[in-house]
Amino acid sequence: MLSLDDLSGTWVASRGETIVVYGDLLLINGIPAQRGFNIEHNAVVGFSIYLLKDVVRPSAVEAVVWQSKFSEYDQQRWTRVDKQEIQRRDARTKELSLQSAAIAGGMS
């Protein structure tokens, strides 16, 4: 069983996304996930199009593996990181977005 309390905190996904969980709020790269978590009987069973596949829990939850509902090859692994790592990654993502917008003629 995986609870929202188990997921509370900061994570980095295997594809590089930053993940922050506050209660039932799920932020991916600083943006609230529209579908959020899927909960059954007070346990997290998935989010968006992903189902819970595995939990690495030597004592506290250190990693979570999610499996896509649509492809056996589409998996995500979330690994715990500290808040400073999330802030560094989010700042870098914002910087790259602003650079892309400026190149495309947008304003920064």
PDB file of N, CA and C in Angstrom:
ATOM      1  N   MET A   1       0.840  -1.186   0.000  1.00  0.00           N
ATOM      2  CA  MET A   1       0.000   0.000   0.000  1.00  0.00           C
ATOM      3  C   MET A   1       0.879   1.242   0.000  1.00  0.00           C
ATOM      4  N   LEU A   2       0.473   2.234  -0.762  1.00  0.00           N
ATOM      5  CA  LEU A   2       1.197   3.495  -0.856  1.00  0.00           C
ATOM      6  C   LEU A   2       0.224   4.615  -0.523  1.00  0.00           C
ATOM      7  N   SER A   3       0.573   5.443   0.448  1.00  0.00           N
ATOM      8  CA  SER A   3      -0.308   6.544   0.849  1.00  0.00           C
ATOM      9  C   SER A   3       0.221   7.869   0.315  1.00  0.00           C
ATOM     10  N   LEU A   4      -0.636   8.890   0.362  1.00  0.00           N
ATOM     11  CA  LEU A   4      -0.187  10.236  -0.015  1.00  0.00           C
ATOM     12  C   LEU A   4       0.927  10.709   0.910  1.00  0.00           C
ATOM     13  N   ASP A   5       0.869  10.329   2.183  1.00  0.00           N
ATOM     14  CA  ASP A   5       1.942  10.690   3.113  1.00  0.00           C
ATOM     15  C   ASP A   5       3.273  10.096   2.669  1.00  0.00           C
ATOM     16  N   ASP A   6       3.236   8.856   2.152  1.00  0.00           N
ATOM     17  CA  ASP A   6       4.458   8.218   1.655  1.00  0.00           C
ATOM     18  C   ASP A   6       5.062   9.010   0.501  1.00  0.00           C
ATOM     19  N   LEU A   7       4.211   9.622  -0.318  1.00  0.00           N
ATOM     20  CA  LEU A   7       4.668  10.351  -1.503  1.00  0.00           C
ATOM     21  C   LEU A   7       5.008  11.810  -1.226  1.00  0.00           C
ATOM     22  N   SER A   8       4.615  12.318  -0.085  1.00  0.00           N
ATOM     23  CA  SER A   8       4.828  13.728   0.227  1.00  0.00           C
ATOM     24  C   SER A   8       6.306  14.088   0.126  1.00  0.00           C
ATOM     25  N   GLY A   9       6.584  15.174  -0.602  1.00  0.00           N
ATOM     26  CA  GLY A   9       7.961  15.639  -0.719  1.00  0.00           C
ATOM     27  C   GLY A   9       8.375  15.841  -2.154  1.00  0.00           C
ATOM     28  N   THR A  10       9.680  15.743  -2.400  1.00  0.00           N
ATOM     29  CA  THR A  10      10.251  16.067  -3.703  1.00  0.00           C
ATOM     30  C   THR A  10      10.878  14.836  -4.341  1.00  0.00           C
ATOM     31  N   TRP A  11      10.704  14.754  -5.664  1.00  0.00           N
ATOM     32  CA  TRP A  11      11.159  13.607  -6.443  1.00  0.00           C
ATOM     33  C   TRP A  11      11.710  14.088  -7.774  1.00  0.00           C
ATOM     34  N   VAL A  12      12.505  13.244  -8.421  1.00  0.00           N
ATOM     35  CA  VAL A  12      12.889  13.445  -9.810  1.00  0.00           C
ATOM     36  C   VAL A  12      12.481  12.182 -10.557  1.00  0.00           C
ATOM     37  N   ALA A  13      11.785  12.373 -11.678  1.00  0.00           N
ATOM     38  CA  ALA A  13      11.344  11.247 -12.498  1.00  0.00           C
ATOM     39  C   ALA A  13      12.485  10.790 -13.406  1.00  0.00           C
ATOM     40  N   SER A  14      12.386   9.564 -13.875  1.00  0.00           N
ATOM     41  CA  SER A  14      13.440   8.981 -14.701  1.00  0.00           C
ATOM     42  C   SER A  14      13.661   9.741 -16.001  1.00  0.00           C
ATOM     43  N   ARG A  15      12.686  10.523 -16.439  1.00  0.00           N
ATOM     44  CA  ARG A  15      12.848  11.335 -17.657  1.00  0.00           C
ATOM     45  C   ARG A  15      13.319  12.745 -17.347  1.00  0.00           C
ATOM     46  N   GLY A  16      13.559  13.030 -16.066  1.00  0.00           N
ATOM     47  CA  GLY A  16      14.090  14.330 -15.683  1.00  0.00           C
ATOM     48  C   GLY A  16      13.084  15.313 -15.124  1.00  0.00           C
ATOM     49  N   GLU A  17      11.784  14.975 -15.153  1.00  0.00           N
ATOM     50  CA  GLU A  17      10.788  15.897 -14.613  1.00  0.00           C
ATOM     51  C   GLU A  17      10.968  16.045 -13.107  1.00  0.00           C
ATOM     52  N   THR A  18      10.661  17.248 -12.614  1.00  0.00           N
ATOM     53  CA  THR A  18      10.633  17.441 -11.167  1.00  0.00           C
ATOM     54  C   THR A  18       9.218  17.157 -10.680  1.00  0.00           C
ATOM     55  N   ILE A  19       9.125  16.480  -9.563  1.00  0.00           N
ATOM     56  CA  ILE A  19       7.847  16.087  -8.984  1.00  0.00           C
ATOM     57  C   ILE A  19       7.798  16.605  -7.552  1.00  0.00           C
ATOM     58  N   VAL A  20       6.725  17.306  -7.204  1.00  0.00           N
ATOM     59  CA  VAL A  20       6.512  17.747  -5.827  1.00  0.00           C
ATOM     60  C   VAL A  20       5.108  17.322  -5.432  1.00  0.00           C
ATOM     61  N   VAL A  21       5.007  16.695  -4.262  1.00  0.00           N
ATOM     62  CA  VAL A  21       3.718  16.229  -3.754  1.00  0.00           C
ATOM     63  C   VAL A  21       3.449  16.907  -2.416  1.00  0.00           C
ATOM     64  N   TYR A  22       2.330  17.670  -2.362  1.00  0.00           N
ATOM     65  CA  TYR A  22       1.839  18.309  -1.132  1.00  0.00           C
ATOM     66  C   TYR A  22       0.429  17.793  -0.914  1.00  0.00           C
ATOM     67  N   GLY A  23       0.226  16.925   0.051  1.00  0.00           N
ATOM     68  CA  GLY A  23      -1.111  16.356   0.249  1.00  0.00           C
ATOM     69  C   GLY A  23      -1.541  15.639  -1.005  1.00  0.00           C
ATOM     70  N   ASP A  24      -2.693  16.027  -1.578  1.00  0.00           N
ATOM     71  CA  ASP A  24      -3.135  15.387  -2.818  1.00  0.00           C
ATOM     72  C   ASP A  24      -2.775  16.208  -4.059  1.00  0.00           C
ATOM     73  N   LEU A  25      -2.002  17.295  -3.873  1.00  0.00           N
ATOM     74  CA  LEU A  25      -1.560  18.121  -4.990  1.00  0.00           C
ATOM     75  C   LEU A  25      -0.289  17.532  -5.592  1.00  0.00           C
ATOM     76  N   LEU A  26      -0.313  17.305  -6.894  1.00  0.00           N
ATOM     77  CA  LEU A  26       0.826  16.760  -7.629  1.00  0.00           C
ATOM     78  C   LEU A  26       1.311  17.813  -8.608  1.00  0.00           C
ATOM     79  N   LEU A  27       2.553  18.262  -8.444  1.00  0.00           N
ATOM     80  CA  LEU A  27       3.162  19.240  -9.348  1.00  0.00           C
ATOM     81  C   LEU A  27       4.226  18.537 -10.180  1.00  0.00           C
ATOM     82  N   ILE A  28       4.127  18.676 -11.495  1.00  0.00           N
ATOM     83  CA  ILE A  28       5.132  18.125 -12.399  1.00  0.00           C
ATOM     84  C   ILE A  28       5.784  19.302 -13.105  1.00  0.00           C
ATOM     85  N   ASN A  29       7.071  19.475 -12.874  1.00  0.00           N
ATOM     86  CA  ASN A  29       7.813  20.644 -13.375  1.00  0.00           C
ATOM     87  C   ASN A  29       7.136  21.945 -12.942  1.00  0.00           C
ATOM     88  N   GLY A  30       6.610  21.953 -11.732  1.00  0.00           N
ATOM     89  CA  GLY A  30       5.995  23.156 -11.170  1.00  0.00           C
ATOM     90  C   GLY A  30       4.571  23.410 -11.613  1.00  0.00           C
ATOM     91  N   ILE A  31       3.998  22.524 -12.434  1.00  0.00           N
ATOM     92  CA  ILE A  31       2.637  22.706 -12.944  1.00  0.00           C
ATOM     93  C   ILE A  31       1.726  21.654 -12.330  1.00  0.00           C
ATOM     94  N   PRO A  32       0.572  22.058 -11.788  1.00  0.00           N
ATOM     95  CA  PRO A  32      -0.347  21.062 -11.208  1.00  0.00           C
ATOM     96  C   PRO A  32      -0.808  20.053 -12.263  1.00  0.00           C
ATOM     97  N   ALA A  33      -0.721  18.769 -11.917  1.00  0.00           N
ATOM     98  CA  ALA A  33      -1.188  17.716 -12.821  1.00  0.00           C
ATOM     99  C   ALA A  33      -2.712  17.753 -12.839  1.00  0.00           C
ATOM    100  N   GLN A  34      -3.296  17.798 -14.014  1.00  0.00           N
ATOM    101  CA  GLN A  34      -4.749  17.946 -14.134  1.00  0.00           C
ATOM    102  C   GLN A  34      -5.508  16.789 -13.512  1.00  0.00           C
ATOM    103  N   ARG A  35      -5.052  15.591 -13.715  1.00  0.00           N
ATOM    104  CA  ARG A  35      -5.780  14.430 -13.193  1.00  0.00           C
ATOM    105  C   ARG A  35      -5.366  14.049 -11.783  1.00  0.00           C
ATOM    106  N   GLY A  36      -4.187  14.432 -11.359  1.00  0.00           N
ATOM    107  CA  GLY A  36      -3.729  14.125 -10.013  1.00  0.00           C
ATOM    108  C   GLY A  36      -3.624  12.633  -9.760  1.00  0.00           C
ATOM    109  N   PHE A  37      -3.743  12.265  -8.494  1.00  0.00           N
ATOM    110  CA  PHE A  37      -3.594  10.870  -8.086  1.00  0.00           C
ATOM    111  C   PHE A  37      -4.903  10.116  -8.174  1.00  0.00           C
ATOM    112  N   ASN A  38      -4.798   8.824  -8.473  1.00  0.00           N
ATOM    113  CA  ASN A  38      -5.941   7.909  -8.399  1.00  0.00           C
ATOM    114  C   ASN A  38      -5.832   7.187  -7.064  1.00  0.00           C
ATOM    115  N   ILE A  39      -6.881   7.287  -6.266  1.00  0.00           N
ATOM    116  CA  ILE A  39      -6.857   6.715  -4.928  1.00  0.00           C
ATOM    117  C   ILE A  39      -8.008   5.728  -4.773  1.00  0.00           C
ATOM    118  N   GLU A  40      -7.688   4.548  -4.233  1.00  0.00           N
ATOM    119  CA  GLU A  40      -8.694   3.540  -3.922  1.00  0.00           C
ATOM    120  C   GLU A  40      -8.442   3.030  -2.509  1.00  0.00           C
ATOM    121  N   HIS A  41      -9.488   3.037  -1.694  1.00  0.00           N
ATOM    122  CA  HIS A  41      -9.387   2.548  -0.304  1.00  0.00           C
ATOM    123  C   HIS A  41      -8.218   3.191   0.440  1.00  0.00           C
ATOM    124  N   ASN A  42      -8.076   4.517   0.309  1.00  0.00           N
ATOM    125  CA  ASN A  42      -7.033   5.315   0.968  1.00  0.00           C
ATOM    126  C   ASN A  42      -5.621   4.976   0.515  1.00  0.00           C
ATOM    127  N   ALA A  43      -5.481   4.311  -0.615  1.00  0.00           N
ATOM    128  CA  ALA A  43      -4.152   3.988  -1.144  1.00  0.00           C
ATOM    129  C   ALA A  43      -4.003   4.587  -2.542  1.00  0.00           C
ATOM    130  N   VAL A  44      -2.811   5.079  -2.837  1.00  0.00           N
ATOM    131  CA  VAL A  44      -2.524   5.606  -4.170  1.00  0.00           C
ATOM    132  C   VAL A  44      -2.307   4.404  -5.095  1.00  0.00           C
ATOM    133  N   VAL A  45      -3.065   4.364  -6.186  1.00  0.00           N
ATOM    134  CA  VAL A  45      -2.939   3.267  -7.148  1.00  0.00           C
ATOM    135  C   VAL A  45      -2.429   3.759  -8.503  1.00  0.00           C
ATOM    136  N   GLY A  46      -2.314   5.085  -8.664  1.00  0.00           N
ATOM    137  CA  GLY A  46      -1.817   5.616  -9.916  1.00  0.00           C
ATOM    138  C   GLY A  46      -1.931   7.118  -9.970  1.00  0.00           C
ATOM    139  N   PHE A  47      -1.534   7.672 -11.114  1.00  0.00           N
ATOM    140  CA  PHE A  47      -1.735   9.093 -11.409  1.00  0.00           C
ATOM    141  C   PHE A  47      -1.825   9.223 -12.919  1.00  0.00           C
ATOM    142  N   SER A  48      -2.609  10.163 -13.367  1.00  0.00           N
ATOM    143  CA  SER A  48      -2.794  10.411 -14.791  1.00  0.00           C
ATOM    144  C   SER A  48      -3.018   9.090 -15.524  1.00  0.00           C
ATOM    145  N   ILE A  49      -2.132   8.733 -16.478  1.00  0.00           N
ATOM    146  CA  ILE A  49      -2.300   7.486 -17.223  1.00  0.00           C
ATOM    147  C   ILE A  49      -1.449   6.350 -16.652  1.00  0.00           C
ATOM    148  N   TYR A  50      -0.842   6.556 -15.492  1.00  0.00           N
ATOM    149  CA  TYR A  50       0.078   5.571 -14.919  1.00  0.00           C
ATOM    150  C   TYR A  50      -0.538   4.841 -13.732  1.00  0.00           C
ATOM    151  N   LEU A  51      -0.202   3.550 -13.631  1.00  0.00           N
ATOM    152  CA  LEU A  51      -0.603   2.716 -12.509  1.00  0.00           C
ATOM    153  C   LEU A  51       0.629   2.408 -11.669  1.00  0.00           C
ATOM    154  N   LEU A  52       0.444   2.284 -10.363  1.00  0.00           N
ATOM    155  CA  LEU A  52       1.544   1.940  -9.475  1.00  0.00           C
ATOM    156  C   LEU A  52       2.030   0.538  -9.806  1.00  0.00           C
ATOM    157  N   LYS A  53       3.337   0.404 -10.030  1.00  0.00           N
ATOM    158  CA  LYS A  53       3.905  -0.903 -10.347  1.00  0.00           C
ATOM    159  C   LYS A  53       4.752  -1.448  -9.204  1.00  0.00           C
ATOM    160  N   ASP A  54       5.583  -0.581  -8.594  1.00  0.00           N
ATOM    161  CA  ASP A  54       6.493  -1.059  -7.554  1.00  0.00           C
ATOM    162  C   ASP A  54       6.870   0.097  -6.635  1.00  0.00           C
ATOM    163  N   VAL A  55       7.195  -0.247  -5.393  1.00  0.00           N
ATOM    164  CA  VAL A  55       7.648   0.723  -4.404  1.00  0.00           C
ATOM    165  C   VAL A  55       8.935   0.194  -3.785  1.00  0.00           C
ATOM    166  N   VAL A  56       9.988   1.010  -3.776  1.00  0.00           N
ATOM    167  CA  VAL A  56      11.246   0.657  -3.121  1.00  0.00           C
ATOM    168  C   VAL A  56      11.208   1.292  -1.750  1.00  0.00           C
ATOM    169  N   ARG A  57      11.168   0.426  -0.729  1.00  0.00           N
ATOM    170  CA  ARG A  57      10.932   0.910   0.625  1.00  0.00           C
ATOM    171  C   ARG A  57      11.815   0.143   1.617  1.00  0.00           C
ATOM    172  N   PRO A  58      13.123   0.480   1.682  1.00  0.00           N
ATOM    173  CA  PRO A  58      13.934  -0.164   2.722  1.00  0.00           C
ATOM    174  C   PRO A  58      13.443   0.208   4.128  1.00  0.00           C
ATOM    175  N   SER A  59      13.094   1.461   4.312  1.00  0.00           N
ATOM    176  CA  SER A  59      12.436   1.931   5.545  1.00  0.00           C
ATOM    177  C   SER A  59      11.354   2.917   5.107  1.00  0.00           C
ATOM    178  N   ALA A  60      11.780   4.096   4.650  1.00  0.00           N
ATOM    179  CA  ALA A  60      10.838   5.047   4.039  1.00  0.00           C
ATOM    180  C   ALA A  60      10.822   4.795   2.532  1.00  0.00           C
ATOM    181  N   VAL A  61       9.818   5.337   1.854  1.00  0.00           N
ATOM    182  CA  VAL A  61       9.737   5.165   0.406  1.00  0.00           C
ATOM    183  C   VAL A  61      10.859   5.970  -0.254  1.00  0.00           C
ATOM    184  N   GLU A  62      11.735   5.285  -0.992  1.00  0.00           N
ATOM    185  CA  GLU A  62      12.854   5.938  -1.671  1.00  0.00           C
ATOM    186  C   GLU A  62      12.650   6.054  -3.169  1.00  0.00           C
ATOM    187  N   ALA A  63      11.837   5.154  -3.745  1.00  0.00           N
ATOM    188  CA  ALA A  63      11.576   5.194  -5.186  1.00  0.00           C
ATOM    189  C   ALA A  63      10.220   4.555  -5.462  1.00  0.00           C
ATOM    190  N   VAL A  64       9.596   5.020  -6.539  1.00  0.00           N
ATOM    191  CA  VAL A  64       8.296   4.500  -6.951  1.00  0.00           C
ATOM    192  C   VAL A  64       8.354   4.280  -8.464  1.00  0.00           C
ATOM    193  N   VAL A  65       7.823   3.153  -8.924  1.00  0.00           N
ATOM    194  CA  VAL A  65       7.788   2.844 -10.354  1.00  0.00           C
ATOM    195  C   VAL A  65       6.333   2.839 -10.802  1.00  0.00           C
ATOM    196  N   TRP A  66       6.079   3.558 -11.888  1.00  0.00           N
ATOM    197  CA  TRP A  66       4.743   3.682 -12.460  1.00  0.00           C
ATOM    198  C   TRP A  66       4.723   3.061 -13.850  1.00  0.00           C
ATOM    199  N   GLN A  67       3.648   2.385 -14.201  1.00  0.00           N
ATOM    200  CA  GLN A  67       3.488   1.739 -15.504  1.00  0.00           C
ATOM    201  C   GLN A  67       2.336   2.375 -16.256  1.00  0.00           C
ATOM    202  N   SER A  68       2.569   2.736 -17.525  1.00  0.00           N
ATOM    203  CA  SER A  68       1.510   3.311 -18.356  1.00  0.00           C
ATOM    204  C   SER A  68       0.391   2.303 -18.574  1.00  0.00           C
ATOM    205  N   LYS A  69      -0.833   2.812 -18.615  1.00  0.00           N
ATOM    206  CA  LYS A  69      -1.989   1.969 -18.933  1.00  0.00           C
ATOM    207  C   LYS A  69      -1.972   1.553 -20.397  1.00  0.00           C
ATOM    208  N   PHE A  70      -1.224   2.268 -21.237  1.00  0.00           N
ATOM    209  CA  PHE A  70      -1.298   2.091 -22.678  1.00  0.00           C
ATOM    210  C   PHE A  70      -0.111   1.367 -23.296  1.00  0.00           C
ATOM    211  N   SER A  71       1.027   1.299 -22.614  1.00  0.00           N
ATOM    212  CA  SER A  71       2.207   0.667 -23.205  1.00  0.00           C
ATOM    213  C   SER A  71       3.046  -0.006 -22.130  1.00  0.00           C
ATOM    214  N   GLU A  72       3.383  -1.257 -22.361  1.00  0.00           N
ATOM    215  CA  GLU A  72       4.225  -1.969 -21.409  1.00  0.00           C
ATOM    216  C   GLU A  72       5.638  -1.399 -21.370  1.00  0.00           C
ATOM    217  N   TYR A  73       6.021  -0.641 -22.387  1.00  0.00           N
ATOM    218  CA  TYR A  73       7.363  -0.068 -22.465  1.00  0.00           C
ATOM    219  C   TYR A  73       7.459   1.309 -21.812  1.00  0.00           C
ATOM    220  N   ASP A  74       6.331   1.886 -21.459  1.00  0.00           N
ATOM    221  CA  ASP A  74       6.302   3.230 -20.884  1.00  0.00           C
ATOM    222  C   ASP A  74       6.224   3.143 -19.368  1.00  0.00           C
ATOM    223  N   GLN A  75       7.383   3.307 -18.728  1.00  0.00           N
ATOM    224  CA  GLN A  75       7.457   3.318 -17.269  1.00  0.00           C
ATOM    225  C   GLN A  75       8.145   4.589 -16.803  1.00  0.00           C
ATOM    226  N   GLN A  76       7.790   5.003 -15.599  1.00  0.00           N
ATOM    227  CA  GLN A  76       8.473   6.123 -14.948  1.00  0.00           C
ATOM    228  C   GLN A  76       8.947   5.643 -13.591  1.00  0.00           C
ATOM    229  N   ARG A  77      10.117   6.099 -13.208  1.00  0.00           N
ATOM    230  CA  ARG A  77      10.632   5.816 -11.872  1.00  0.00           C
ATOM    231  C   ARG A  77      10.871   7.155 -11.194  1.00  0.00           C
ATOM    232  N   TRP A  78      10.236   7.344 -10.033  1.00  0.00           N
ATOM    233  CA  TRP A  78      10.471   8.542  -9.238  1.00  0.00           C
ATOM    234  C   TRP A  78      11.463   8.191  -8.146  1.00  0.00           C
ATOM    235  N   THR A  79      12.475   9.057  -7.978  1.00  0.00           N
ATOM    236  CA  THR A  79      13.481   8.868  -6.942  1.00  0.00           C
ATOM    237  C   THR A  79      13.512  10.111  -6.062  1.00  0.00           C
ATOM    238  N   ARG A  80      13.610   9.898  -4.757  1.00  0.00           N
ATOM    239  CA  ARG A  80      13.636  11.026  -3.811  1.00  0.00           C
ATOM    240  C   ARG A  80      14.859  11.907  -4.013  1.00  0.00           C
ATOM    241  N   VAL A  81      14.641  13.206  -3.931  1.00  0.00           N
ATOM    242  CA  VAL A  81      15.730  14.188  -3.932  1.00  0.00           C
ATOM    243  C   VAL A  81      15.379  15.289  -2.942  1.00  0.00           C
ATOM    244  N   ASP A  82      16.360  16.132  -2.647  1.00  0.00           N
ATOM    245  CA  ASP A  82      16.079  17.231  -1.720  1.00  0.00           C
ATOM    246  C   ASP A  82      15.466  18.416  -2.467  1.00  0.00           C
ATOM    247  N   LYS A  83      14.909  19.330  -1.716  1.00  0.00           N
ATOM    248  CA  LYS A  83      14.202  20.478  -2.285  1.00  0.00           C
ATOM    249  C   LYS A  83      15.133  21.370  -3.118  1.00  0.00           C
ATOM    250  N   GLN A  84      16.383  21.485  -2.722  1.00  0.00           N
ATOM    251  CA  GLN A  84      17.327  22.316  -3.480  1.00  0.00           C
ATOM    252  C   GLN A  84      17.523  21.767  -4.897  1.00  0.00           C
ATOM    253  N   GLU A  85      17.554  20.447  -5.040  1.00  0.00           N
ATOM    254  CA  GLU A  85      17.683  19.855  -6.380  1.00  0.00           C
ATOM    255  C   GLU A  85      16.476  20.201  -7.243  1.00  0.00           C
ATOM    256  N   ILE A  86      15.295  20.157  -6.662  1.00  0.00           N
ATOM    257  CA  ILE A  86      14.078  20.520  -7.398  1.00  0.00           C
ATOM    258  C   ILE A  86      14.149  21.985  -7.823  1.00  0.00           C
ATOM    259  N   GLN A  87      14.565  22.867  -6.926  1.00  0.00           N
ATOM    260  CA  GLN A  87      14.652  24.287  -7.253  1.00  0.00           C
ATOM    261  C   GLN A  87      15.659  24.538  -8.374  1.00  0.00           C
ATOM    262  N   ARG A  88      16.801  23.831  -8.354  1.00  0.00           N
ATOM    263  CA  ARG A  88      17.801  23.971  -9.421  1.00  0.00           C
ATOM    264  C   ARG A  88      17.221  23.514 -10.759  1.00  0.00           C
ATOM    265  N   ARG A  89      16.549  22.382 -10.760  1.00  0.00           N
ATOM    266  CA  ARG A  89      15.994  21.841 -12.007  1.00  0.00           C
ATOM    267  C   ARG A  89      14.867  22.731 -12.534  1.00  0.00           C
ATOM    268  N   ASP A  90      13.984  23.204 -11.651  1.00  0.00           N
ATOM    269  CA  ASP A  90      12.895  24.079 -12.092  1.00  0.00           C
ATOM    270  C   ASP A  90      13.434  25.389 -12.668  1.00  0.00           C
ATOM    271  N   ALA A  91      14.481  25.946 -12.036  1.00  0.00           N
ATOM    272  CA  ALA A  91      15.084  27.188 -12.541  1.00  0.00           C
ATOM    273  C   ALA A  91      15.701  26.953 -13.917  1.00  0.00           C
ATOM    274  N   ARG A  92      16.342  25.822 -14.103  1.00  0.00           N
ATOM    275  CA  ARG A  92      16.950  25.497 -15.403  1.00  0.00           C
ATOM    276  C   ARG A  92      15.868  25.317 -16.473  1.00  0.00           C
ATOM    277  N   THR A  93      14.770  24.649 -16.121  1.00  0.00           N
ATOM    278  CA  THR A  93      13.661  24.464 -17.067  1.00  0.00           C
ATOM    279  C   THR A  93      13.085  25.811 -17.472  1.00  0.00           C
ATOM    280  N   LYS A  94      12.901  26.705 -16.499  1.00  0.00           N
ATOM    281  CA  LYS A  94      12.364  28.038 -16.797  1.00  0.00           C
ATOM    282  C   LYS A  94      13.322  28.814 -17.690  1.00  0.00           C
ATOM    283  N   GLU A  95      14.602  28.733 -17.389  1.00  0.00           N
ATOM    284  CA  GLU A  95      15.615  29.427 -18.192  1.00  0.00           C
ATOM    285  C   GLU A  95      15.584  28.936 -19.642  1.00  0.00           C
ATOM    286  N   LEU A  96      15.520  27.629 -19.842  1.00  0.00           N
ATOM    287  CA  LEU A  96      15.476  27.071 -21.196  1.00  0.00           C
ATOM    288  C   LEU A  96      14.193  27.471 -21.913  1.00  0.00           C
ATOM    289  N   SER A  97      13.069  27.525 -21.191  1.00  0.00           N
ATOM    290  CA  SER A  97      11.807  27.936 -21.799  1.00  0.00           C
ATOM    291  C   SER A  97      11.871  29.385 -22.261  1.00  0.00           C
ATOM    292  N   LEU A  98      12.449  30.243 -21.439  1.00  0.00           N
ATOM    293  CA  LEU A  98      12.578  31.652 -21.801  1.00  0.00           C
ATOM    294  C   LEU A  98      13.514  31.830 -22.998  1.00  0.00           C
ATOM    295  N   GLN A  99      14.599  31.047 -23.046  1.00  0.00           N
ATOM    296  CA  GLN A  99      15.508  31.110 -24.190  1.00  0.00           C
ATOM    297  C   GLN A  99      14.784  30.683 -25.465  1.00  0.00           C
ATOM    298  N   SER A 100      14.004  29.608 -25.371  1.00  0.00           N
ATOM    299  CA  SER A 100      13.256  29.126 -26.532  1.00  0.00           C
ATOM    300  C   SER A 100      12.248  30.163 -27.004  1.00  0.00           C
ATOM    301  N   ALA A 101      11.579  30.816 -26.048  1.00  0.00           N
ATOM    302  CA  ALA A 101      10.602  31.840 -26.396  1.00  0.00           C
ATOM    303  C   ALA A 101      11.271  33.028 -27.073  1.00  0.00           C
ATOM    304  N   ALA A 102      12.436  33.418 -26.562  1.00  0.00           N
ATOM    305  CA  ALA A 102      13.164  34.541 -27.152  1.00  0.00           C
ATOM    306  C   ALA A 102      13.629  34.212 -28.570  1.00  0.00           C
ATOM    307  N   ILE A 103      14.086  32.991 -28.779  1.00  0.00           N
ATOM    308  CA  ILE A 103      14.516  32.571 -30.120  1.00  0.00           C
ATOM    309  C   ILE A 103      13.341  32.583 -31.077  1.00  0.00           C
ATOM    310  N   ALA A 104      12.159  32.197 -30.580  1.00  0.00           N
ATOM    311  CA  ALA A 104      10.958  32.140 -31.413  1.00  0.00           C
ATOM    312  C   ALA A 104      10.284  33.504 -31.566  1.00  0.00           C
ATOM    313  N   GLY A 105      10.875  34.542 -30.967  1.00  0.00           N
ATOM    314  CA  GLY A 105      10.322  35.888 -31.106  1.00  0.00           C
ATOM    315  C   GLY A 105       9.439  36.319 -29.970  1.00  0.00           C
ATOM    316  N   GLY A 106       9.358  35.518 -28.921  1.00  0.00           N
ATOM    317  CA  GLY A 106       8.557  35.876 -27.759  1.00  0.00           C
ATOM    318  C   GLY A 106       9.289  36.830 -26.855  1.00  0.00           C
ATOM    319  N   MET A 107       8.580  37.333 -25.873  1.00  0.00           N
ATOM    320  CA  MET A 107       9.160  38.268 -24.912  1.00  0.00           C
ATOM    321  C   MET A 107       9.544  37.486 -23.649  1.00  0.00           C
ATOM    322  N   SER A 108      10.613  37.883 -22.982  1.00  0.00           N
ATOM    323  CA  SER A 108      10.987  37.248 -21.723  1.00  0.00           C
ATOM    324  C   SER A 108      10.816  38.204 -20.579  1.00  0.00           C
TER     325      SER A 108
END
